[in-house]
Amino acid sequence: YSDTLSQWLTIVVIRTLFSAVMHGVATATFGAMLGYSKFRPTRSKIFYTVIGLCNAIFIHFAWNITVSFESTALLGFLFLIFSVTIFIVIFSISLSKEKKIIYTELKGEFNLGIIPESHLSILNSVNRTRKGWINEEIRKSYTRAATTLAFRKLQFKNSVGRSKFYYEKEVEHYRNFIKKLLEEKNI
């Protein structure tokens, strides 16, 4: 591993610090695949869960095999940088899809007269956290309810059986909550 105590300590410290990053990326990769598979048919759930687990295992394996030997340590760090970069790109794509889901689902609520059209572009952006676009007394609860409504609608569309009934009731609940909230503030 190393010829001197100093080299050995350097490897131990660097490997320890980067191992935390690797474990974070591996765990997040598996978690992302679990989340992605949650509202899919059973076969897809199993497929995406296994793919996520295999990816996490591969990330762990590749990191361990490359940093266990001094001659391949550089490859380990390059692999980790590559893994983190890929993770950040996938995370960014996920956020973009999330914004699209919120906009698409809430557009239906605008068509039903529940949410004002001017709120659509605000609710699916960082602007929803800024003051001034709606009465501050209800901003947080309205934003939370509207985004939850958007995801419950998507979950309703992708559910079957008892889950479908549950999400249908959730959609009704959030619609009524939002209507009441906006009516109370004359919006």
N, C-alpha and C. Protein backbone atom coordinates (compact mmCIF):
# COMPACT_ATOMS: atom_id res chain seq x y z
N TYR A 1 0.82 -1.20 0.00
CA TYR A 1 0.00 0.00 0.00
C TYR A 1 0.86 1.26 0.00
N SER A 2 1.82 1.35 0.90
CA SER A 2 2.70 2.52 0.97
C SER A 2 4.03 2.12 1.56
N ASP A 3 5.05 2.92 1.24
CA ASP A 3 6.39 2.63 1.75
C ASP A 3 6.66 3.31 3.08
N THR A 4 6.03 4.43 3.32
CA THR A 4 6.30 5.18 4.55
C THR A 4 5.00 5.42 5.30
N LEU A 5 5.16 5.76 6.57
CA LEU A 5 4.00 6.07 7.41
C LEU A 5 3.24 7.27 6.84
N SER A 6 3.97 8.24 6.36
CA SER A 6 3.37 9.45 5.79
C SER A 6 2.49 9.10 4.58
N GLN A 7 3.00 8.26 3.69
CA GLN A 7 2.22 7.86 2.51
C GLN A 7 0.98 7.07 2.93
N TRP A 8 1.17 6.18 3.90
CA TRP A 8 0.06 5.37 4.37
C TRP A 8 -1.02 6.26 4.98
N LEU A 9 -0.63 7.23 5.82
CA LEU A 9 -1.60 8.14 6.43
C LEU A 9 -2.34 8.95 5.37
N THR A 10 -1.62 9.38 4.34
CA THR A 10 -2.25 10.14 3.26
C THR A 10 -3.32 9.30 2.57
N ILE A 11 -2.99 8.06 2.26
CA ILE A 11 -3.96 7.17 1.62
C ILE A 11 -5.17 6.94 2.53
N VAL A 12 -4.92 6.70 3.81
CA VAL A 12 -6.02 6.45 4.75
C VAL A 12 -6.94 7.67 4.85
N VAL A 13 -6.36 8.85 4.99
CA VAL A 13 -7.18 10.07 5.12
C VAL A 13 -7.97 10.32 3.84
N ILE A 14 -7.30 10.28 2.70
CA ILE A 14 -7.99 10.54 1.43
C ILE A 14 -9.06 9.49 1.17
N ARG A 15 -8.72 8.23 1.39
CA ARG A 15 -9.69 7.17 1.14
C ARG A 15 -10.89 7.31 2.07
N THR A 16 -10.65 7.67 3.32
CA THR A 16 -11.74 7.84 4.27
C THR A 16 -12.66 8.97 3.83
N LEU A 17 -12.10 10.11 3.47
CA LEU A 17 -12.91 11.25 3.05
C LEU A 17 -13.70 10.95 1.78
N PHE A 18 -13.05 10.37 0.79
CA PHE A 18 -13.74 10.08 -0.46
C PHE A 18 -14.70 8.90 -0.33
N SER A 19 -14.45 8.01 0.63
CA SER A 19 -15.39 6.90 0.85
C SER A 19 -16.75 7.42 1.28
N ALA A 20 -16.77 8.48 2.05
CA ALA A 20 -18.05 9.07 2.47
C ALA A 20 -18.82 9.56 1.25
N VAL A 21 -18.12 10.20 0.33
CA VAL A 21 -18.75 10.68 -0.91
C VAL A 21 -19.27 9.49 -1.72
N MET A 22 -18.44 8.46 -1.85
CA MET A 22 -18.83 7.28 -2.61
C MET A 22 -20.08 6.64 -2.01
N HIS A 23 -20.11 6.49 -0.69
CA HIS A 23 -21.28 5.89 -0.04
C HIS A 23 -22.52 6.75 -0.27
N GLY A 24 -22.34 8.06 -0.23
CA GLY A 24 -23.46 8.96 -0.50
C GLY A 24 -24.00 8.79 -1.91
N VAL A 25 -23.11 8.72 -2.88
CA VAL A 25 -23.53 8.55 -4.27
C VAL A 25 -24.19 7.18 -4.48
N ALA A 26 -23.61 6.14 -3.92
CA ALA A 26 -24.16 4.79 -4.08
C ALA A 26 -25.55 4.70 -3.44
N THR A 27 -25.68 5.22 -2.24
CA THR A 27 -26.97 5.19 -1.54
C THR A 27 -28.01 6.04 -2.27
N ALA A 28 -27.61 7.22 -2.71
CA ALA A 28 -28.53 8.11 -3.43
C ALA A 28 -28.97 7.49 -4.75
N THR A 29 -28.08 6.79 -5.42
CA THR A 29 -28.42 6.13 -6.68
C THR A 29 -29.48 5.06 -6.44
N PHE A 30 -29.29 4.26 -5.42
CA PHE A 30 -30.27 3.23 -5.09
C PHE A 30 -31.59 3.87 -4.68
N GLY A 31 -31.53 4.90 -3.84
CA GLY A 31 -32.74 5.59 -3.40
C GLY A 31 -33.50 6.23 -4.56
N ALA A 32 -32.77 6.80 -5.50
CA ALA A 32 -33.41 7.41 -6.67
C ALA A 32 -34.16 6.36 -7.49
N MET A 33 -33.57 5.20 -7.64
CA MET A 33 -34.23 4.14 -8.40
C MET A 33 -35.45 3.60 -7.65
N LEU A 34 -35.36 3.54 -6.33
CA LEU A 34 -36.54 3.13 -5.55
C LEU A 34 -37.67 4.14 -5.73
N GLY A 35 -37.32 5.41 -5.65
CA GLY A 35 -38.32 6.46 -5.84
C GLY A 35 -38.92 6.43 -7.23
N TYR A 36 -38.08 6.21 -8.22
CA TYR A 36 -38.55 6.16 -9.61
C TYR A 36 -39.49 4.98 -9.82
N SER A 37 -39.24 3.88 -9.14
CA SER A 37 -40.03 2.68 -9.35
C SER A 37 -41.32 2.64 -8.53
N LYS A 38 -41.46 3.53 -7.57
CA LYS A 38 -42.57 3.44 -6.61
C LYS A 38 -43.95 3.34 -7.25
N PHE A 39 -44.22 4.13 -8.24
CA PHE A 39 -45.55 4.13 -8.85
C PHE A 39 -45.56 3.51 -10.24
N ARG A 40 -44.76 2.49 -10.40
CA ARG A 40 -44.70 1.74 -11.65
C ARG A 40 -45.37 0.38 -11.43
N PRO A 41 -45.70 -0.30 -12.52
CA PRO A 41 -46.23 -1.67 -12.37
C PRO A 41 -45.21 -2.58 -11.68
N THR A 42 -45.68 -3.67 -11.12
CA THR A 42 -44.83 -4.56 -10.31
C THR A 42 -43.56 -4.99 -11.03
N ARG A 43 -43.66 -5.38 -12.29
CA ARG A 43 -42.46 -5.81 -13.03
C ARG A 43 -41.43 -4.68 -13.11
N SER A 44 -41.91 -3.48 -13.37
CA SER A 44 -41.00 -2.33 -13.45
C SER A 44 -40.40 -2.01 -12.09
N LYS A 45 -41.19 -2.17 -11.03
CA LYS A 45 -40.67 -1.94 -9.68
C LYS A 45 -39.48 -2.85 -9.41
N ILE A 46 -39.66 -4.10 -9.72
CA ILE A 46 -38.59 -5.08 -9.48
C ILE A 46 -37.39 -4.74 -10.36
N PHE A 47 -37.62 -4.45 -11.63
CA PHE A 47 -36.54 -4.15 -12.56
C PHE A 47 -35.73 -2.94 -12.09
N TYR A 48 -36.40 -1.82 -11.80
CA TYR A 48 -35.68 -0.61 -11.41
C TYR A 48 -35.01 -0.75 -10.05
N THR A 49 -35.61 -1.50 -9.15
CA THR A 49 -34.99 -1.74 -7.85
C THR A 49 -33.70 -2.54 -8.02
N VAL A 50 -33.76 -3.58 -8.83
CA VAL A 50 -32.56 -4.41 -9.07
C VAL A 50 -31.48 -3.59 -9.78
N ILE A 51 -31.87 -2.78 -10.76
CA ILE A 51 -30.91 -1.93 -11.47
C ILE A 51 -30.26 -0.95 -10.49
N GLY A 52 -31.06 -0.35 -9.62
CA GLY A 52 -30.52 0.59 -8.63
C GLY A 52 -29.55 -0.09 -7.68
N LEU A 53 -29.92 -1.28 -7.22
CA LEU A 53 -29.04 -2.02 -6.32
C LEU A 53 -27.74 -2.41 -7.03
N CYS A 54 -27.86 -2.89 -8.26
CA CYS A 54 -26.65 -3.26 -9.03
C CYS A 54 -25.75 -2.05 -9.27
N ASN A 55 -26.35 -0.90 -9.57
CA ASN A 55 -25.55 0.32 -9.75
C ASN A 55 -24.81 0.68 -8.47
N ALA A 56 -25.52 0.63 -7.34
CA ALA A 56 -24.89 0.96 -6.06
C ALA A 56 -23.76 -0.01 -5.74
N ILE A 57 -23.99 -1.29 -5.98
CA ILE A 57 -22.95 -2.30 -5.74
C ILE A 57 -21.76 -2.06 -6.66
N PHE A 58 -22.02 -1.75 -7.93
CA PHE A 58 -20.93 -1.49 -8.87
C PHE A 58 -20.11 -0.27 -8.45
N ILE A 59 -20.78 0.79 -8.05
CA ILE A 59 -20.07 2.00 -7.60
C ILE A 59 -19.16 1.65 -6.42
N HIS A 60 -19.69 0.90 -5.48
CA HIS A 60 -18.93 0.49 -4.29
C HIS A 60 -17.75 -0.39 -4.70
N PHE A 61 -18.02 -1.37 -5.54
CA PHE A 61 -16.97 -2.29 -6.00
C PHE A 61 -15.86 -1.55 -6.74
N ALA A 62 -16.25 -0.71 -7.70
CA ALA A 62 -15.25 0.00 -8.50
C ALA A 62 -14.40 0.90 -7.63
N TRP A 63 -15.00 1.56 -6.67
CA TRP A 63 -14.24 2.43 -5.76
C TRP A 63 -13.25 1.59 -4.96
N ASN A 64 -13.74 0.51 -4.34
CA ASN A 64 -12.86 -0.30 -3.49
C ASN A 64 -11.71 -0.93 -4.27
N ILE A 65 -12.01 -1.44 -5.46
CA ILE A 65 -10.95 -2.12 -6.21
C ILE A 65 -9.90 -1.14 -6.71
N THR A 66 -10.31 0.08 -7.03
CA THR A 66 -9.34 1.03 -7.58
C THR A 66 -8.52 1.74 -6.51
N VAL A 67 -9.06 1.92 -5.32
CA VAL A 67 -8.27 2.62 -4.30
C VAL A 67 -7.57 1.67 -3.34
N SER A 68 -7.69 0.39 -3.58
CA SER A 68 -7.01 -0.57 -2.72
C SER A 68 -5.54 -0.72 -3.08
N PHE A 69 -5.18 -0.30 -4.26
CA PHE A 69 -3.80 -0.42 -4.72
C PHE A 69 -3.29 0.94 -5.15
N GLU A 70 -2.06 1.22 -4.80
CA GLU A 70 -1.48 2.52 -5.12
C GLU A 70 -1.46 2.78 -6.63
N SER A 71 -1.23 1.74 -7.40
CA SER A 71 -1.12 1.91 -8.86
C SER A 71 -2.45 2.27 -9.52
N THR A 72 -3.56 1.97 -8.87
CA THR A 72 -4.88 2.27 -9.46
C THR A 72 -5.63 3.35 -8.69
N ALA A 73 -5.00 3.95 -7.70
CA ALA A 73 -5.69 4.95 -6.87
C ALA A 73 -6.20 6.13 -7.70
N LEU A 74 -5.42 6.57 -8.67
CA LEU A 74 -5.85 7.69 -9.51
C LEU A 74 -7.13 7.33 -10.27
N LEU A 75 -7.22 6.09 -10.74
CA LEU A 75 -8.44 5.65 -11.41
C LEU A 75 -9.64 5.73 -10.48
N GLY A 76 -9.43 5.39 -9.22
CA GLY A 76 -10.50 5.46 -8.23
C GLY A 76 -11.04 6.87 -8.08
N PHE A 77 -10.13 7.83 -7.99
CA PHE A 77 -10.56 9.21 -7.84
C PHE A 77 -11.24 9.72 -9.11
N LEU A 78 -10.72 9.32 -10.27
CA LEU A 78 -11.36 9.70 -11.53
C LEU A 78 -12.75 9.08 -11.64
N PHE A 79 -12.87 7.81 -11.22
CA PHE A 79 -14.17 7.14 -11.23
C PHE A 79 -15.15 7.86 -10.32
N LEU A 80 -14.67 8.26 -9.14
CA LEU A 80 -15.55 8.95 -8.20
C LEU A 80 -15.99 10.31 -8.75
N ILE A 81 -15.08 11.03 -9.36
CA ILE A 81 -15.43 12.32 -9.96
C ILE A 81 -16.46 12.10 -11.07
N PHE A 82 -16.25 11.08 -11.88
CA PHE A 82 -17.20 10.73 -12.94
C PHE A 82 -18.57 10.38 -12.35
N SER A 83 -18.58 9.56 -11.29
CA SER A 83 -19.83 9.15 -10.65
C SER A 83 -20.59 10.34 -10.08
N VAL A 84 -19.88 11.23 -9.41
CA VAL A 84 -20.52 12.42 -8.84
C VAL A 84 -21.08 13.30 -9.95
N THR A 85 -20.32 13.46 -11.03
CA THR A 85 -20.80 14.27 -12.16
C THR A 85 -22.07 13.68 -12.76
N ILE A 86 -22.06 12.38 -12.99
CA ILE A 86 -23.25 11.71 -13.53
C ILE A 86 -24.42 11.88 -12.57
N PHE A 87 -24.18 11.74 -11.28
CA PHE A 87 -25.24 11.89 -10.28
C PHE A 87 -25.82 13.31 -10.33
N ILE A 88 -24.97 14.31 -10.43
CA ILE A 88 -25.45 15.70 -10.49
C ILE A 88 -26.28 15.93 -11.75
N VAL A 89 -25.85 15.38 -12.87
CA VAL A 89 -26.61 15.52 -14.12
C VAL A 89 -27.98 14.86 -13.97
N ILE A 90 -28.01 13.65 -13.43
CA ILE A 90 -29.29 12.95 -13.25
C ILE A 90 -30.18 13.70 -12.26
N PHE A 91 -29.60 14.24 -11.21
CA PHE A 91 -30.35 15.03 -10.24
C PHE A 91 -30.97 16.25 -10.92
N SER A 92 -30.20 16.92 -11.77
CA SER A 92 -30.71 18.09 -12.49
C SER A 92 -31.85 17.71 -13.43
N ILE A 93 -31.71 16.59 -14.11
CA ILE A 93 -32.78 16.11 -14.99
C ILE A 93 -34.03 15.80 -14.18
N SER A 94 -33.85 15.20 -13.01
CA SER A 94 -34.99 14.88 -12.14
C SER A 94 -35.72 16.14 -11.70
N LEU A 95 -34.96 17.18 -11.33
CA LEU A 95 -35.60 18.44 -10.94
C LEU A 95 -36.37 19.05 -12.11
N SER A 96 -35.82 18.94 -13.30
CA SER A 96 -36.50 19.46 -14.48
C SER A 96 -37.81 18.71 -14.72
N LYS A 97 -37.77 17.39 -14.57
CA LYS A 97 -38.99 16.59 -14.74
C LYS A 97 -40.00 16.91 -13.65
N GLU A 98 -39.52 17.15 -12.44
CA GLU A 98 -40.40 17.52 -11.34
C GLU A 98 -41.14 18.82 -11.65
N LYS A 99 -40.42 19.80 -12.16
CA LYS A 99 -41.04 21.07 -12.54
C LYS A 99 -42.10 20.85 -13.61
N LYS A 100 -41.80 19.99 -14.56
CA LYS A 100 -42.75 19.70 -15.64
C LYS A 100 -44.00 19.02 -15.09
N ILE A 101 -43.82 18.09 -14.15
CA ILE A 101 -44.95 17.40 -13.53
C ILE A 101 -45.84 18.42 -12.81
N ILE A 102 -45.22 19.28 -12.02
CA ILE A 102 -45.99 20.28 -11.26
C ILE A 102 -46.78 21.16 -12.23
N TYR A 103 -46.13 21.65 -13.27
CA TYR A 103 -46.81 22.53 -14.23
C TYR A 103 -47.95 21.80 -14.93
N THR A 104 -47.68 20.62 -15.44
CA THR A 104 -48.68 19.86 -16.19
C THR A 104 -49.89 19.53 -15.32
N GLU A 105 -49.65 19.03 -14.13
CA GLU A 105 -50.76 18.63 -13.26
C GLU A 105 -51.54 19.84 -12.76
N LEU A 106 -50.86 20.94 -12.47
CA LEU A 106 -51.56 22.12 -11.97
C LEU A 106 -52.27 22.88 -13.10
N LYS A 107 -51.84 22.67 -14.33
CA LYS A 107 -52.55 23.28 -15.45
C LYS A 107 -53.97 22.75 -15.50
N GLY A 108 -54.13 21.48 -15.19
CA GLY A 108 -55.47 20.90 -15.10
C GLY A 108 -56.30 21.56 -14.02
N GLU A 109 -55.65 21.96 -12.94
CA GLU A 109 -56.36 22.64 -11.85
C GLU A 109 -56.75 24.05 -12.25
N PHE A 110 -55.93 24.68 -13.08
CA PHE A 110 -56.30 25.99 -13.63
C PHE A 110 -57.54 25.83 -14.51
N ASN A 111 -57.54 24.79 -15.35
CA ASN A 111 -58.68 24.53 -16.24
C ASN A 111 -59.96 24.28 -15.46
N LEU A 112 -59.84 23.75 -14.24
CA LEU A 112 -61.00 23.52 -13.38
C LEU A 112 -61.38 24.76 -12.57
N GLY A 113 -60.56 25.80 -12.67
CA GLY A 113 -60.84 27.04 -11.95
C GLY A 113 -60.39 27.03 -10.50
N ILE A 114 -59.50 26.13 -10.15
CA ILE A 114 -59.04 26.02 -8.76
C ILE A 114 -57.82 26.90 -8.51
N ILE A 115 -56.89 26.90 -9.44
CA ILE A 115 -55.65 27.66 -9.29
C ILE A 115 -55.59 28.75 -10.36
N PRO A 116 -55.28 29.99 -9.98
CA PRO A 116 -55.16 31.07 -10.98
C PRO A 116 -54.01 30.79 -11.96
N GLU A 117 -54.22 31.18 -13.21
CA GLU A 117 -53.22 30.94 -14.25
C GLU A 117 -51.87 31.57 -13.91
N SER A 118 -51.90 32.74 -13.30
CA SER A 118 -50.64 33.43 -12.97
C SER A 118 -49.79 32.65 -11.97
N HIS A 119 -50.40 31.73 -11.25
CA HIS A 119 -49.67 30.95 -10.25
C HIS A 119 -48.92 29.76 -10.85
N LEU A 120 -49.33 29.33 -12.05
CA LEU A 120 -48.72 28.13 -12.65
C LEU A 120 -47.21 28.25 -12.78
N SER A 121 -46.74 29.34 -13.36
CA SER A 121 -45.30 29.48 -13.58
C SER A 121 -44.55 29.75 -12.28
N ILE A 122 -45.24 30.24 -11.28
CA ILE A 122 -44.59 30.51 -9.99
C ILE A 122 -44.46 29.23 -9.17
N LEU A 123 -45.53 28.43 -9.15
CA LEU A 123 -45.55 27.23 -8.32
C LEU A 123 -44.55 26.17 -8.77
N ASN A 124 -44.14 26.19 -10.02
CA ASN A 124 -43.17 25.18 -10.46
C ASN A 124 -41.77 25.77 -10.60
N SER A 125 -41.51 26.85 -9.87
CA SER A 125 -40.18 27.47 -9.92
C SER A 125 -39.74 27.87 -8.51
N VAL A 126 -38.51 28.33 -8.42
CA VAL A 126 -37.98 28.78 -7.14
C VAL A 126 -38.71 30.04 -6.65
N ASN A 127 -39.41 30.71 -7.55
CA ASN A 127 -40.15 31.93 -7.18
C ASN A 127 -41.23 31.66 -6.14
N ARG A 128 -41.65 30.41 -6.00
CA ARG A 128 -42.68 30.10 -5.01
C ARG A 128 -42.19 30.36 -3.58
N THR A 129 -40.88 30.43 -3.38
CA THR A 129 -40.34 30.70 -2.05
C THR A 129 -40.19 32.19 -1.77
N ARG A 130 -40.40 33.01 -2.79
CA ARG A 130 -40.24 34.46 -2.63
C ARG A 130 -41.54 35.09 -2.17
N LYS A 131 -41.40 36.15 -1.42
CA LYS A 131 -42.57 36.88 -0.92
C LYS A 131 -43.14 37.80 -2.00
N GLY A 132 -44.43 38.12 -1.85
CA GLY A 132 -45.04 39.14 -2.68
C GLY A 132 -45.97 38.66 -3.78
N TRP A 133 -45.91 37.42 -4.16
CA TRP A 133 -46.76 36.96 -5.26
C TRP A 133 -48.14 36.50 -4.78
N ILE A 134 -48.24 36.26 -3.47
CA ILE A 134 -49.51 35.87 -2.85
C ILE A 134 -49.46 36.33 -1.40
N ASN A 135 -50.61 36.41 -0.78
CA ASN A 135 -50.69 36.81 0.63
C ASN A 135 -49.73 35.94 1.45
N GLU A 136 -48.87 36.59 2.20
CA GLU A 136 -47.82 35.88 2.95
C GLU A 136 -48.38 34.94 4.01
N GLU A 137 -49.58 35.22 4.50
CA GLU A 137 -50.19 34.36 5.52
C GLU A 137 -50.46 32.95 4.99
N ILE A 138 -50.67 32.83 3.70
CA ILE A 138 -51.01 31.51 3.14
C ILE A 138 -49.96 30.97 2.17
N ARG A 139 -48.92 31.74 1.90
CA ARG A 139 -47.96 31.34 0.86
C ARG A 139 -47.40 29.94 1.08
N LYS A 140 -46.90 29.67 2.28
CA LYS A 140 -46.28 28.36 2.51
C LYS A 140 -47.28 27.22 2.44
N SER A 141 -48.43 27.37 3.08
CA SER A 141 -49.41 26.28 3.07
C SER A 141 -50.01 26.10 1.67
N TYR A 142 -50.21 27.20 0.96
CA TYR A 142 -50.73 27.12 -0.42
C TYR A 142 -49.72 26.42 -1.34
N THR A 143 -48.47 26.83 -1.24
CA THR A 143 -47.42 26.22 -2.07
C THR A 143 -47.29 24.73 -1.78
N ARG A 144 -47.27 24.39 -0.51
CA ARG A 144 -47.15 22.98 -0.12
C ARG A 144 -48.35 22.18 -0.62
N ALA A 145 -49.55 22.73 -0.45
CA ALA A 145 -50.76 22.03 -0.88
C ALA A 145 -50.81 21.88 -2.40
N ALA A 146 -50.44 22.93 -3.12
CA ALA A 146 -50.48 22.87 -4.59
C ALA A 146 -49.48 21.86 -5.14
N THR A 147 -48.26 21.87 -4.62
CA THR A 147 -47.27 20.91 -5.12
C THR A 147 -47.64 19.48 -4.72
N THR A 148 -48.18 19.33 -3.52
CA THR A 148 -48.63 17.99 -3.11
C THR A 148 -49.77 17.53 -4.00
N LEU A 149 -50.70 18.42 -4.32
CA LEU A 149 -51.80 18.09 -5.22
C LEU A 149 -51.26 17.59 -6.56
N ALA A 150 -50.28 18.28 -7.10
CA ALA A 150 -49.71 17.88 -8.39
C ALA A 150 -49.17 16.45 -8.33
N PHE A 151 -48.45 16.13 -7.27
CA PHE A 151 -47.88 14.79 -7.17
C PHE A 151 -48.93 13.74 -6.85
N ARG A 152 -49.94 14.10 -6.06
CA ARG A 152 -51.02 13.15 -5.78
C ARG A 152 -51.79 12.81 -7.06
N LYS A 153 -51.96 13.80 -7.94
CA LYS A 153 -52.64 13.53 -9.21
C LYS A 153 -51.83 12.54 -10.04
N LEU A 154 -50.52 12.73 -10.08
CA LEU A 154 -49.67 11.80 -10.82
C LEU A 154 -49.72 10.41 -10.18
N GLN A 155 -49.67 10.36 -8.85
CA GLN A 155 -49.73 9.08 -8.16
C GLN A 155 -51.07 8.39 -8.42
N PHE A 156 -52.14 9.17 -8.45
CA PHE A 156 -53.46 8.62 -8.75
C PHE A 156 -53.47 7.97 -10.13
N LYS A 157 -52.88 8.65 -11.11
CA LYS A 157 -52.84 8.12 -12.48
C LYS A 157 -52.05 6.82 -12.58
N ASN A 158 -51.05 6.66 -11.72
CA ASN A 158 -50.16 5.50 -11.81
C ASN A 158 -50.47 4.42 -10.77
N SER A 159 -51.59 4.54 -10.08
CA SER A 159 -51.93 3.58 -9.03
C SER A 159 -53.03 2.64 -9.49
N VAL A 160 -53.16 1.55 -8.74
CA VAL A 160 -54.24 0.59 -8.97
C VAL A 160 -54.82 0.18 -7.63
N GLY A 161 -56.04 -0.36 -7.66
CA GLY A 161 -56.65 -0.91 -6.45
C GLY A 161 -56.89 0.11 -5.36
N ARG A 162 -56.57 -0.30 -4.13
CA ARG A 162 -56.81 0.56 -2.96
C ARG A 162 -56.01 1.85 -3.02
N SER A 163 -54.81 1.78 -3.56
CA SER A 163 -53.98 2.97 -3.67
C SER A 163 -54.66 4.02 -4.54
N LYS A 164 -55.28 3.58 -5.61
CA LYS A 164 -55.96 4.51 -6.52
C LYS A 164 -57.08 5.24 -5.77
N PHE A 165 -57.84 4.51 -4.98
CA PHE A 165 -58.92 5.10 -4.19
C PHE A 165 -58.34 6.11 -3.19
N TYR A 166 -57.26 5.74 -2.53
CA TYR A 166 -56.61 6.63 -1.55
C TYR A 166 -56.16 7.93 -2.21
N TYR A 167 -55.48 7.83 -3.35
CA TYR A 167 -54.98 9.03 -4.01
C TYR A 167 -56.11 9.88 -4.59
N GLU A 168 -57.19 9.24 -4.99
CA GLU A 168 -58.35 10.01 -5.46
C GLU A 168 -58.89 10.88 -4.33
N LYS A 169 -58.99 10.31 -3.14
CA LYS A 169 -59.45 11.07 -1.97
C LYS A 169 -58.46 12.18 -1.61
N GLU A 170 -57.18 11.91 -1.74
CA GLU A 170 -56.16 12.92 -1.48
C GLU A 170 -56.28 14.09 -2.45
N VAL A 171 -56.50 13.79 -3.72
CA VAL A 171 -56.68 14.84 -4.73
C VAL A 171 -57.87 15.71 -4.37
N GLU A 172 -58.99 15.08 -4.02
CA GLU A 172 -60.19 15.83 -3.62
C GLU A 172 -59.90 16.70 -2.40
N HIS A 173 -59.20 16.14 -1.44
CA HIS A 173 -58.87 16.89 -0.22
C HIS A 173 -58.05 18.13 -0.54
N TYR A 174 -57.00 17.98 -1.32
CA TYR A 174 -56.14 19.13 -1.63
C TYR A 174 -56.84 20.16 -2.51
N ARG A 175 -57.70 19.70 -3.40
CA ARG A 175 -58.49 20.66 -4.19
C ARG A 175 -59.37 21.51 -3.28
N ASN A 176 -60.07 20.84 -2.38
CA ASN A 176 -60.95 21.57 -1.46
C ASN A 176 -60.16 22.50 -0.54
N PHE A 177 -59.02 22.03 -0.07
CA PHE A 177 -58.18 22.84 0.81
C PHE A 177 -57.71 24.11 0.09
N ILE A 178 -57.27 23.96 -1.15
CA ILE A 178 -56.78 25.10 -1.93
C ILE A 178 -57.92 26.07 -2.23
N LYS A 179 -59.08 25.53 -2.63
CA LYS A 179 -60.24 26.40 -2.90
C LYS A 179 -60.57 27.24 -1.68
N LYS A 180 -60.65 26.59 -0.54
CA LYS A 180 -61.00 27.28 0.71
C LYS A 180 -59.95 28.33 1.05
N LEU A 181 -58.69 27.97 0.92
CA LEU A 181 -57.59 28.88 1.24
C LEU A 181 -57.64 30.14 0.37
N LEU A 182 -57.84 29.95 -0.92
CA LEU A 182 -57.88 31.08 -1.84
C LEU A 182 -59.15 31.92 -1.67
N GLU A 183 -60.27 31.26 -1.38
CA GLU A 183 -61.52 31.99 -1.16
C GLU A 183 -61.44 32.86 0.09
N GLU A 184 -60.82 32.34 1.14
CA GLU A 184 -60.69 33.11 2.39
C GLU A 184 -59.89 34.40 2.18
N LYS A 185 -58.95 34.38 1.26
CA LYS A 185 -58.12 35.56 1.00
C LYS A 185 -58.55 36.31 -0.26
N ASN A 186 -59.73 35.94 -0.79
CA ASN A 186 -60.29 36.59 -1.99
C ASN A 186 -59.32 36.59 -3.17
N ILE A 187 -58.74 35.44 -3.43
CA ILE A 187 -57.79 35.31 -4.55
C ILE A 187 -58.44 34.53 -5.67
